[in-house]
C-alpha atoms as a PDB file:
ATOM      1  CA  UNK A   1     -19.651  78.811   5.495  1.00  0.00           C
ATOM      2  CA  UNK A   2     -17.958  77.699   2.264  1.00  0.00           C
ATOM      3  CA  UNK A   3     -15.248  79.854   0.719  1.00  0.00           C
ATOM      4  CA  UNK A   4     -17.046  79.556  -2.606  1.00  0.00           C
ATOM      5  CA  UNK A   5     -20.569  80.903  -2.923  1.00  0.00           C
ATOM      6  CA  UNK A   6     -23.077  81.718  -5.630  1.00  0.00           C
ATOM      7  CA  UNK A   7     -23.169  85.465  -6.248  1.00  0.00           C
ATOM      8  CA  UNK A   8     -25.359  87.666  -8.428  1.00  0.00           C
ATOM      9  CA  UNK A   9     -23.427  90.527 -10.001  1.00  0.00           C
ATOM     10  CA  UNK A  10     -24.885  94.064  -9.726  1.00  0.00           C
ATOM     11  CA  UNK A  11     -25.370  96.335 -12.723  1.00  0.00           C
ATOM     12  CA  UNK A  12     -23.515  99.606 -13.296  1.00  0.00           C
ATOM     13  CA  UNK A  13     -24.202 102.718 -15.363  1.00  0.00           C
ATOM     14  CA  UNK A  14     -21.718 104.436 -17.666  1.00  0.00           C
ATOM     15  CA  UNK A  15     -22.881 107.647 -19.394  1.00  0.00           C
ATOM     16  CA  UNK A  16     -26.448 106.727 -18.408  1.00  0.00           C
ATOM     17  CA  UNK A  17     -26.101 103.359 -20.143  1.00  0.00           C
ATOM     18  CA  UNK A  18     -26.934 100.388 -17.980  1.00  0.00           C
ATOM     19  CA  UNK A  19     -24.471  97.487 -18.180  1.00  0.00           C
ATOM     20  CA  UNK A  20     -25.465  94.230 -16.522  1.00  0.00           C
ATOM     21  CA  UNK A  21     -22.823  91.890 -15.108  1.00  0.00           C
ATOM     22  CA  UNK A  22     -19.941  94.259 -15.942  1.00  0.00           C
ATOM     23  CA  UNK A  23     -17.108  92.058 -14.689  1.00  0.00           C
ATOM     24  CA  UNK A  24     -18.546  89.051 -16.527  1.00  0.00           C
ATOM     25  CA  UNK A  25     -18.722  91.169 -19.681  1.00  0.00           C
ATOM     26  CA  UNK A  26     -15.117  92.302 -19.179  1.00  0.00           C
ATOM     27  CA  UNK A  27     -13.795  88.771 -18.673  1.00  0.00           C
ATOM     28  CA  UNK A  28     -15.715  87.599 -21.747  1.00  0.00           C
ATOM     29  CA  UNK A  29     -14.058  90.364 -23.765  1.00  0.00           C
ATOM     30  CA  UNK A  30     -10.679  89.403 -22.266  1.00  0.00           C
ATOM     31  CA  UNK A  31     -11.166  85.875 -23.579  1.00  0.00           C
ATOM     32  CA  UNK A  32     -12.233  87.268 -26.949  1.00  0.00           C
ATOM     33  CA  UNK A  33      -9.121  89.472 -27.150  1.00  0.00           C
ATOM     34  CA  UNK A  34      -6.817  86.506 -26.503  1.00  0.00           C
ATOM     35  CA  UNK A  35      -8.616  84.436 -29.142  1.00  0.00           C
ATOM     36  CA  UNK A  36      -8.402  87.212 -31.745  1.00  0.00           C
ATOM     37  CA  UNK A  37      -4.697  87.634 -30.949  1.00  0.00           C
ATOM     38  CA  UNK A  38      -4.212  83.897 -31.499  1.00  0.00           C
ATOM     39  CA  UNK A  39      -6.202  84.016 -34.754  1.00  0.00           C
ATOM     40  CA  UNK A  40      -4.062  86.757 -36.258  1.00  0.00           C
ATOM     41  CA  UNK A  41      -0.804  85.202 -35.059  1.00  0.00           C
ATOM     42  CA  UNK A  42      -1.678  81.828 -36.556  1.00  0.00           C
ATOM     43  CA  UNK A  43      -2.899  83.507 -39.720  1.00  0.00           C
ATOM     44  CA  UNK A  44       0.577  84.982 -40.253  1.00  0.00           C
ATOM     45  CA  UNK A  45       2.331  81.643 -39.979  1.00  0.00           C
ATOM     46  CA  UNK A  46       3.882  80.266 -43.152  1.00  0.00           C
ATOM     47  CA  UNK A  47       2.745  76.742 -42.274  1.00  0.00           C
ATOM     48  CA  UNK A  48       0.466  75.355 -44.958  1.00  0.00           C
ATOM     49  CA  UNK A  49      -2.172  72.724 -44.399  1.00  0.00           C
ATOM     50  CA  UNK A  50      -5.607  71.980 -43.003  1.00  0.00           C
ATOM     51  CA  UNK A  51      -4.308  71.918 -39.420  1.00  0.00           C
ATOM     52  CA  UNK A  52      -3.596  75.648 -39.634  1.00  0.00           C
ATOM     53  CA  UNK A  53      -7.075  76.296 -41.042  1.00  0.00           C
ATOM     54  CA  UNK A  54      -8.760  74.401 -38.197  1.00  0.00           C
ATOM     55  CA  UNK A  55      -6.666  76.076 -35.496  1.00  0.00           C
ATOM     56  CA  UNK A  56      -7.099  79.518 -37.012  1.00  0.00           C
ATOM     57  CA  UNK A  57     -10.869  79.382 -37.248  1.00  0.00           C
ATOM     58  CA  UNK A  58     -11.186  77.684 -33.875  1.00  0.00           C
ATOM     59  CA  UNK A  59      -9.822  80.847 -32.281  1.00  0.00           C
ATOM     60  CA  UNK A  60     -11.880  83.132 -34.508  1.00  0.00           C
ATOM     61  CA  UNK A  61     -15.146  81.376 -33.651  1.00  0.00           C
ATOM     62  CA  UNK A  62     -14.323  81.087 -29.950  1.00  0.00           C
ATOM     63  CA  UNK A  63     -13.401  84.781 -29.886  1.00  0.00           C
ATOM     64  CA  UNK A  64     -16.654  85.746 -31.586  1.00  0.00           C
ATOM     65  CA  UNK A  65     -18.566  83.511 -29.192  1.00  0.00           C
ATOM     66  CA  UNK A  66     -16.951  85.163 -26.172  1.00  0.00           C
ATOM     67  CA  UNK A  67     -17.470  88.674 -27.561  1.00  0.00           C
ATOM     68  CA  UNK A  68     -21.115  88.131 -28.447  1.00  0.00           C
ATOM     69  CA  UNK A  69     -21.645  86.318 -25.147  1.00  0.00           C
ATOM     70  CA  UNK A  70     -20.350  89.299 -23.212  1.00  0.00           C
ATOM     71  CA  UNK A  71     -22.365  91.853 -25.182  1.00  0.00           C
ATOM     72  CA  UNK A  72     -25.578  89.985 -25.999  1.00  0.00           C
ATOM     73  CA  UNK A  73     -25.662  87.466 -23.169  1.00  0.00           C
ATOM     74  CA  UNK A  74     -24.592  89.652 -20.253  1.00  0.00           C
ATOM     75  CA  UNK A  75     -24.098  93.400 -20.736  1.00  0.00           C
ATOM     76  CA  UNK A  76     -27.260  94.185 -22.707  1.00  0.00           C
ATOM     77  CA  UNK A  77     -29.346  91.054 -22.306  1.00  0.00           C
ATOM     78  CA  UNK A  78     -32.040  93.156 -20.625  1.00  0.00           C
ATOM     79  CA  UNK A  79     -32.652  94.927 -23.951  1.00  0.00           C
ATOM     80  CA  UNK A  80     -32.586  91.800 -26.090  1.00  0.00           C
ATOM     81  CA  UNK A  81     -34.559  88.608 -26.454  1.00  0.00           C
ATOM     82  CA  UNK A  82     -33.129  85.340 -25.160  1.00  0.00           C
ATOM     83  CA  UNK A  83     -32.563  84.181 -28.745  1.00  0.00           C
ATOM     84  CA  UNK A  84     -29.577  86.549 -29.000  1.00  0.00           C
ATOM     85  CA  UNK A  85     -27.662  84.206 -26.708  1.00  0.00           C
ATOM     86  CA  UNK A  86     -27.737  81.649 -29.499  1.00  0.00           C
ATOM     87  CA  UNK A  87     -25.173  83.656 -31.478  1.00  0.00           C
ATOM     88  CA  UNK A  88     -22.545  83.028 -28.805  1.00  0.00           C
ATOM     89  CA  UNK A  89     -23.573  79.424 -28.184  1.00  0.00           C
ATOM     90  CA  UNK A  90     -23.479  78.457 -31.876  1.00  0.00           C
ATOM     91  CA  UNK A  91     -20.033  80.038 -32.299  1.00  0.00           C
ATOM     92  CA  UNK A  92     -18.796  78.096 -29.276  1.00  0.00           C
ATOM     93  CA  UNK A  93     -20.167  74.808 -30.605  1.00  0.00           C
ATOM     94  CA  UNK A  94     -18.511  75.422 -33.958  1.00  0.00           C
ATOM     95  CA  UNK A  95     -15.169  76.265 -32.371  1.00  0.00           C
ATOM     96  CA  UNK A  96     -15.102  72.998 -30.397  1.00  0.00           C
ATOM     97  CA  UNK A  97     -15.851  71.009 -33.547  1.00  0.00           C
ATOM     98  CA  UNK A  98     -12.953  72.730 -35.326  1.00  0.00           C
ATOM     99  CA  UNK A  99     -10.471  72.003 -32.528  1.00  0.00           C
ATOM    100  CA  UNK A 100     -11.482  68.336 -32.533  1.00  0.00           C
ATOM    101  CA  UNK A 101     -10.927  68.180 -36.299  1.00  0.00           C
ATOM    102  CA  UNK A 102      -7.550  69.907 -35.941  1.00  0.00           C
ATOM    103  CA  UNK A 103      -6.328  67.131 -33.653  1.00  0.00           C
ATOM    104  CA  UNK A 104      -7.806  64.491 -35.933  1.00  0.00           C
ATOM    105  CA  UNK A 105      -5.801  65.999 -38.775  1.00  0.00           C
ATOM    106  CA  UNK A 106      -2.629  65.947 -36.677  1.00  0.00           C
ATOM    107  CA  UNK A 107      -3.253  62.311 -35.717  1.00  0.00           C
ATOM    108  CA  UNK A 108      -4.017  61.175 -39.276  1.00  0.00           C
ATOM    109  CA  UNK A 109      -0.431  60.101 -40.180  1.00  0.00           C
ATOM    110  CA  UNK A 110      -0.188  58.065 -36.959  1.00  0.00           C
ATOM    111  CA  UNK A 111      -3.211  55.768 -37.301  1.00  0.00           C
ATOM    112  CA  UNK A 112      -4.633  53.363 -39.827  1.00  0.00           C
ATOM    113  CA  UNK A 113      -6.529  54.944 -42.733  1.00  0.00           C
ATOM    114  CA  UNK A 114     -10.190  55.376 -41.994  1.00  0.00           C
ATOM    115  CA  UNK A 115      -9.986  55.632 -38.199  1.00  0.00           C
ATOM    116  CA  UNK A 116      -9.839  59.419 -38.155  1.00  0.00           C
ATOM    117  CA  UNK A 117     -12.668  59.481 -40.705  1.00  0.00           C
ATOM    118  CA  UNK A 118     -14.881  57.425 -38.378  1.00  0.00           C
ATOM    119  CA  UNK A 119     -14.071  59.616 -35.368  1.00  0.00           C
ATOM    120  CA  UNK A 120     -14.671  62.708 -37.496  1.00  0.00           C
ATOM    121  CA  UNK A 121     -18.125  61.494 -38.482  1.00  0.00           C
ATOM    122  CA  UNK A 122     -18.994  60.678 -34.878  1.00  0.00           C
ATOM    123  CA  UNK A 123     -17.864  64.164 -33.860  1.00  0.00           C
ATOM    124  CA  UNK A 124     -19.968  65.784 -36.598  1.00  0.00           C
ATOM    125  CA  UNK A 125     -23.003  63.716 -35.577  1.00  0.00           C
ATOM    126  CA  UNK A 126     -22.699  64.687 -31.906  1.00  0.00           C
ATOM    127  CA  UNK A 127     -22.099  68.314 -32.910  1.00  0.00           C
ATOM    128  CA  UNK A 128     -25.299  68.241 -34.989  1.00  0.00           C
ATOM    129  CA  UNK A 129     -27.269  66.750 -32.083  1.00  0.00           C
ATOM    130  CA  UNK A 130     -25.899  69.373 -29.678  1.00  0.00           C
ATOM    131  CA  UNK A 131     -26.725  72.153 -32.140  1.00  0.00           C
ATOM    132  CA  UNK A 132     -30.263  70.831 -32.628  1.00  0.00           C
ATOM    133  CA  UNK A 133     -30.943  70.591 -28.892  1.00  0.00           C
ATOM    134  CA  UNK A 134     -29.453  74.021 -28.287  1.00  0.00           C
ATOM    135  CA  UNK A 135     -31.808  75.542 -30.860  1.00  0.00           C
ATOM    136  CA  UNK A 136     -34.748  73.406 -29.704  1.00  0.00           C
ATOM    137  CA  UNK A 137     -34.444  73.951 -25.954  1.00  0.00           C
ATOM    138  CA  UNK A 138     -32.779  77.385 -25.877  1.00  0.00           C
ATOM    139  CA  UNK A 139     -30.580  75.954 -23.105  1.00  0.00           C
ATOM    140  CA  UNK A 140     -26.825  76.219 -22.568  1.00  0.00           C
ATOM    141  CA  UNK A 141     -26.442  72.653 -21.295  1.00  0.00           C
ATOM    142  CA  UNK A 142     -25.975  71.038 -24.767  1.00  0.00           C
ATOM    143  CA  UNK A 143     -23.136  73.510 -25.409  1.00  0.00           C
ATOM    144  CA  UNK A 144     -21.505  72.575 -22.112  1.00  0.00           C
ATOM    145  CA  UNK A 145     -21.797  68.837 -22.666  1.00  0.00           C
ATOM    146  CA  UNK A 146     -20.565  68.972 -26.256  1.00  0.00           C
ATOM    147  CA  UNK A 147     -17.633  71.109 -25.125  1.00  0.00           C
ATOM    148  CA  UNK A 148     -16.736  68.442 -22.558  1.00  0.00           C
ATOM    149  CA  UNK A 149     -17.009  65.739 -25.216  1.00  0.00           C
ATOM    150  CA  UNK A 150     -15.109  67.643 -27.898  1.00  0.00           C
ATOM    151  CA  UNK A 151     -12.326  69.147 -25.783  1.00  0.00           C
ATOM    152  CA  UNK A 152     -11.846  66.491 -23.100  1.00  0.00           C
ATOM    153  CA  UNK A 153     -12.815  63.227 -24.796  1.00  0.00           C
ATOM    154  CA  UNK A 154     -11.701  63.918 -28.379  1.00  0.00           C
ATOM    155  CA  UNK A 155      -8.986  66.583 -28.089  1.00  0.00           C
ATOM    156  CA  UNK A 156      -7.659  65.363 -24.736  1.00  0.00           C
ATOM    157  CA  UNK A 157      -7.437  61.707 -25.723  1.00  0.00           C
ATOM    158  CA  UNK A 158      -5.982  62.463 -29.160  1.00  0.00           C
ATOM    159  CA  UNK A 159      -3.405  64.795 -27.599  1.00  0.00           C
ATOM    160  CA  UNK A 160      -2.339  62.028 -25.223  1.00  0.00           C
ATOM    161  CA  UNK A 161      -2.138  59.517 -28.087  1.00  0.00           C
ATOM    162  CA  UNK A 162      -0.091  61.852 -30.300  1.00  0.00           C
ATOM    163  CA  UNK A 163       2.264  62.777 -27.475  1.00  0.00           C
ATOM    164  CA  UNK A 164       2.732  59.120 -26.572  1.00  0.00           C
ATOM    165  CA  UNK A 165       3.629  58.313 -30.190  1.00  0.00           C
ATOM    166  CA  UNK A 166       5.757  61.353 -31.030  1.00  0.00           C
ATOM    167  CA  UNK A 167       6.766  63.170 -27.830  1.00  0.00           C
ATOM    168  CA  UNK A 168       5.761  66.450 -29.500  1.00  0.00           C
ATOM    169  CA  UNK A 169       5.866  69.209 -26.862  1.00  0.00           C
ATOM    170  CA  UNK A 170       3.199  71.259 -28.598  1.00  0.00           C
ATOM    171  CA  UNK A 171       0.654  68.494 -28.080  1.00  0.00           C
ATOM    172  CA  UNK A 172       1.703  68.260 -24.422  1.00  0.00           C
ATOM    173  CA  UNK A 173       1.033  72.003 -23.984  1.00  0.00           C
ATOM    174  CA  UNK A 174      -2.314  71.554 -25.718  1.00  0.00           C
ATOM    175  CA  UNK A 175      -3.222  68.687 -23.401  1.00  0.00           C
ATOM    176  CA  UNK A 176      -2.369  70.797 -20.350  1.00  0.00           C
ATOM    177  CA  UNK A 177      -4.499  73.656 -21.689  1.00  0.00           C
ATOM    178  CA  UNK A 178      -7.473  71.296 -22.048  1.00  0.00           C
ATOM    179  CA  UNK A 179      -7.014  70.242 -18.419  1.00  0.00           C
ATOM    180  CA  UNK A 180      -6.992  73.878 -17.297  1.00  0.00           C
ATOM    181  CA  UNK A 181     -10.100  74.562 -19.372  1.00  0.00           C
ATOM    182  CA  UNK A 182     -11.952  71.656 -17.748  1.00  0.00           C
ATOM    183  CA  UNK A 183     -11.507  73.360 -14.369  1.00  0.00           C
ATOM    184  CA  UNK A 184     -13.632  76.237 -15.662  1.00  0.00           C
ATOM    185  CA  UNK A 185     -16.438  73.778 -16.433  1.00  0.00           C
ATOM    186  CA  UNK A 186     -16.382  72.521 -12.834  1.00  0.00           C
ATOM    187  CA  UNK A 187     -16.481  76.053 -11.396  1.00  0.00           C
ATOM    188  CA  UNK A 188     -19.255  77.118 -13.763  1.00  0.00           C
ATOM    189  CA  UNK A 189     -21.329  73.996 -13.107  1.00  0.00           C
ATOM    190  CA  UNK A 190     -21.162  74.353  -9.317  1.00  0.00           C
ATOM    191  CA  UNK A 191     -21.470  78.161  -9.549  1.00  0.00           C
ATOM    192  CA  UNK A 192     -18.506  78.803  -7.265  1.00  0.00           C
ATOM    193  CA  UNK A 193     -17.725  82.486  -6.854  1.00  0.00           C
ATOM    194  CA  UNK A 194     -15.620  84.622  -4.541  1.00  0.00           C
ATOM    195  CA  UNK A 195     -17.716  87.801  -4.469  1.00  0.00           C
ATOM    196  CA  UNK A 196     -20.485  89.559  -6.432  1.00  0.00           C
ATOM    197  CA  UNK A 197     -17.715  91.221  -8.457  1.00  0.00           C
ATOM    198  CA  UNK A 198     -15.881  87.974  -9.157  1.00  0.00           C
ATOM    199  CA  UNK A 199     -18.485  85.250  -9.423  1.00  0.00           C
ATOM    200  CA  UNK A 200     -18.477  81.830 -11.102  1.00  0.00           C
ATOM    201  CA  UNK A 201     -18.817  83.347 -14.579  1.00  0.00           C
ATOM    202  CA  UNK A 202     -15.823  85.620 -14.046  1.00  0.00           C
ATOM    203  CA  UNK A 203     -13.607  82.887 -12.596  1.00  0.00           C
ATOM    204  CA  UNK A 204     -14.460  80.469 -15.394  1.00  0.00           C
ATOM    205  CA  UNK A 205     -13.787  83.145 -18.039  1.00  0.00           C
ATOM    206  CA  UNK A 206     -10.374  83.954 -16.561  1.00  0.00           C
ATOM    207  CA  UNK A 207      -9.474  80.260 -16.472  1.00  0.00           C
ATOM    208  CA  UNK A 208     -10.699  79.878 -20.054  1.00  0.00           C
ATOM    209  CA  UNK A 209      -8.515  82.843 -21.040  1.00  0.00           C
ATOM    210  CA  UNK A 210      -5.465  81.116 -19.566  1.00  0.00           C
ATOM    211  CA  UNK A 211      -6.490  77.900 -21.304  1.00  0.00           C
ATOM    212  CA  UNK A 212      -7.016  79.676 -24.657  1.00  0.00           C
ATOM    213  CA  UNK A 213      -3.588  81.311 -24.525  1.00  0.00           C
ATOM    214  CA  UNK A 214      -1.947  77.966 -23.844  1.00  0.00           C
ATOM    215  CA  UNK A 215      -4.010  76.318 -26.570  1.00  0.00           C
ATOM    216  CA  UNK A 216      -2.540  78.925 -28.907  1.00  0.00           C
ATOM    217  CA  UNK A 217       0.991  78.230 -27.663  1.00  0.00           C
ATOM    218  CA  UNK A 218       0.434  74.513 -28.161  1.00  0.00           C
ATOM    219  CA  UNK A 219      -1.084  74.954 -31.618  1.00  0.00           C
ATOM    220  CA  UNK A 220       1.785  77.226 -32.695  1.00  0.00           C
ATOM    221  CA  UNK A 221       4.345  74.740 -31.417  1.00  0.00           C
ATOM    222  CA  UNK A 222       2.626  71.877 -33.249  1.00  0.00           C
ATOM    223  CA  UNK A 223       2.833  73.790 -36.508  1.00  0.00           C
ATOM    224  CA  UNK A 224       6.439  74.835 -35.873  1.00  0.00           C
ATOM    225  CA  UNK A 225       7.471  71.229 -35.191  1.00  0.00           C
ATOM    226  CA  UNK A 226       5.108  69.439 -37.546  1.00  0.00           C
ATOM    227  CA  UNK A 227       7.967  67.345 -38.939  1.00  0.00           C
ATOM    228  CA  UNK A 228       8.222  65.555 -35.581  1.00  0.00           C
ATOM    229  CA  UNK A 229       4.725  64.178 -36.071  1.00  0.00           C
ATOM    230  CA  UNK A 230       5.525  62.326 -39.251  1.00  0.00           C
END
């Protein structure tokens, strides 16, 4: 028997209120809390520029996506229509687009004029396609595939390029965080869980929480050492 199995999480009741997938809801809210912490910390930074705006709202949207996912998509899904899941999915799509644009902004001084504009337009086009198919099919798969494209292909490759050109440690931390986050995609896709109370959703959320915290550390370091990128 494999160590990893697919598990269905039981419901619980608190004050006669039924909560489905309680651990999944908790780990979603854990991810949201880390993202909101990152949002407010970045918001307080004196750094001025579009990079800060992209990073800041990346964490806000991802936090909202995780929070709404936990509440609407897991805890109280039994009382809601499936369409409520779209709130979380759309926030997640938007957050990935913002992170990709943040790295494009960081890379702008290092490449020929126009290259980042082309990549930006490609990213917006693929984002629009993913959003359309998410709304059309009511499926999570477009969100997953766009996240892989945006975070691994765009953010990962740009992070490697920027680090290779500048040696900026913040970008290196960011690249490592993307690698950690990709592990959550693998676990979620194969539905590997350890028990009904710590299934594939829970494991992937915990890994995403670790990834999000390190994305924040990397983003903060990039802004603190932005002179090294020029």
